[in-house]
Amino acid sequence: MSLHPASVRGGSAGSVFRQVEGRNRAPAVIVLPAIAGVNDYMTSVCDRLNGQGYASLLVDYHGKTGAPDLSDRTKIMAAVS
């Protein structure tokens, strides 16, 4: 597996995971994380997809602002409302 940071059209940041076993083409999956944003779990999802022969794009739509603060119920409710 190789991780390639990418700039996606429109300015969003993402990480492209590509299989490196000599394949030039592979089916692809766009991975959209939940409210917690890009984290180790989402990266592991892309790793598993990669291991099954898929290319994937993990989109960081929180970008420079980062994922919202989810440290307590009030903050969670504010983030999802």
Protein backbone atom coordinates (compact mmCIF):
# COMPACT_ATOMS: atom_id res chain seq x y z
CA MET A 1 0.00 0.00 0.00
CA SER A 2 1.23 3.47 -0.72
CA LEU A 3 -0.29 6.67 0.58
CA HIS A 4 -0.22 9.66 -1.72
CA PRO A 5 -1.50 13.04 -0.44
CA ALA A 6 -3.68 14.62 -3.08
CA SER A 7 -5.30 17.91 -3.87
CA VAL A 8 -8.76 17.26 -5.17
CA ARG A 9 -10.59 19.54 -7.60
CA GLY A 10 -12.23 22.37 -5.68
CA GLY A 11 -9.42 22.59 -3.14
CA SER A 12 -10.43 19.77 -0.79
CA ALA A 13 -7.63 17.71 0.63
CA GLY A 14 -7.56 13.96 0.58
CA SER A 15 -5.36 10.93 0.64
CA VAL A 16 -5.17 8.55 -2.27
CA PHE A 17 -4.40 4.93 -1.50
CA ARG A 18 -3.23 2.92 -4.49
CA GLN A 19 -2.32 -0.69 -4.85
CA VAL A 20 1.36 -1.00 -5.72
CA GLU A 21 1.42 -4.52 -7.08
CA GLY A 22 2.06 -3.37 -10.65
CA ARG A 23 -1.57 -2.68 -11.51
CA ASN A 24 -2.13 0.47 -13.51
CA ARG A 25 -5.90 0.30 -13.18
CA ALA A 26 -8.15 -0.79 -10.35
CA PRO A 27 -11.75 -0.26 -9.30
CA ALA A 28 -11.99 2.73 -6.97
CA VAL A 29 -13.99 3.71 -3.91
CA ILE A 30 -14.56 7.23 -2.59
CA VAL A 31 -14.51 7.13 1.22
CA LEU A 32 -16.40 9.85 3.08
CA PRO A 33 -15.67 9.90 6.82
CA ALA A 34 -18.29 10.51 9.49
CA ILE A 35 -18.42 13.63 11.63
CA ALA A 36 -15.15 12.76 13.41
CA GLY A 37 -13.29 13.30 10.13
CA VAL A 38 -10.18 11.56 8.85
CA ASN A 39 -8.72 9.44 11.62
CA ASP A 40 -6.88 6.15 12.14
CA TYR A 41 -10.08 4.12 11.71
CA MET A 42 -10.85 5.72 8.32
CA THR A 43 -7.27 5.16 7.22
CA SER A 44 -7.61 1.48 8.21
CA VAL A 45 -10.78 1.23 6.08
CA CYS A 46 -8.75 2.42 3.08
CA ASP A 47 -5.97 -0.02 3.97
CA ARG A 48 -8.48 -2.89 3.93
CA LEU A 49 -9.95 -1.76 0.60
CA ASN A 50 -6.44 -1.53 -0.80
CA GLY A 51 -5.71 -5.05 0.39
CA GLN A 52 -8.74 -6.25 -1.55
CA GLY A 53 -7.51 -4.64 -4.78
CA TYR A 54 -9.35 -1.31 -4.71
CA ALA A 55 -7.93 2.17 -5.08
CA SER A 56 -9.55 4.63 -2.69
CA LEU A 57 -9.83 8.32 -2.09
CA LEU A 58 -10.31 9.37 1.53
CA VAL A 59 -11.84 12.84 1.40
CA ASP A 60 -11.02 15.32 4.17
CA TYR A 61 -13.96 17.67 3.81
CA HIS A 62 -13.21 19.38 7.12
CA GLY A 63 -10.01 20.63 5.49
CA LYS A 64 -8.08 23.28 7.37
CA THR A 65 -10.75 23.75 10.04
CA GLY A 66 -10.35 20.20 11.34
CA ALA A 67 -13.02 17.92 12.69
CA PRO A 68 -15.50 19.46 15.13
CA ASP A 69 -14.98 19.17 18.89
CA LEU A 70 -16.96 16.12 20.02
CA SER A 71 -15.84 16.11 23.64
CA ASP A 72 -19.30 16.38 25.18
CA ARG A 73 -22.98 15.98 24.28
CA THR A 74 -23.65 19.71 23.85
CA LYS A 75 -20.78 20.09 21.39
CA ILE A 76 -21.89 17.00 19.48
CA MET A 77 -25.44 18.32 19.18
CA ALA A 78 -24.14 21.71 17.98
CA ALA A 79 -21.96 20.00 15.36
CA VAL A 80 -24.78 17.93 13.89
CA SER A 81 -27.50 20.57 13.96
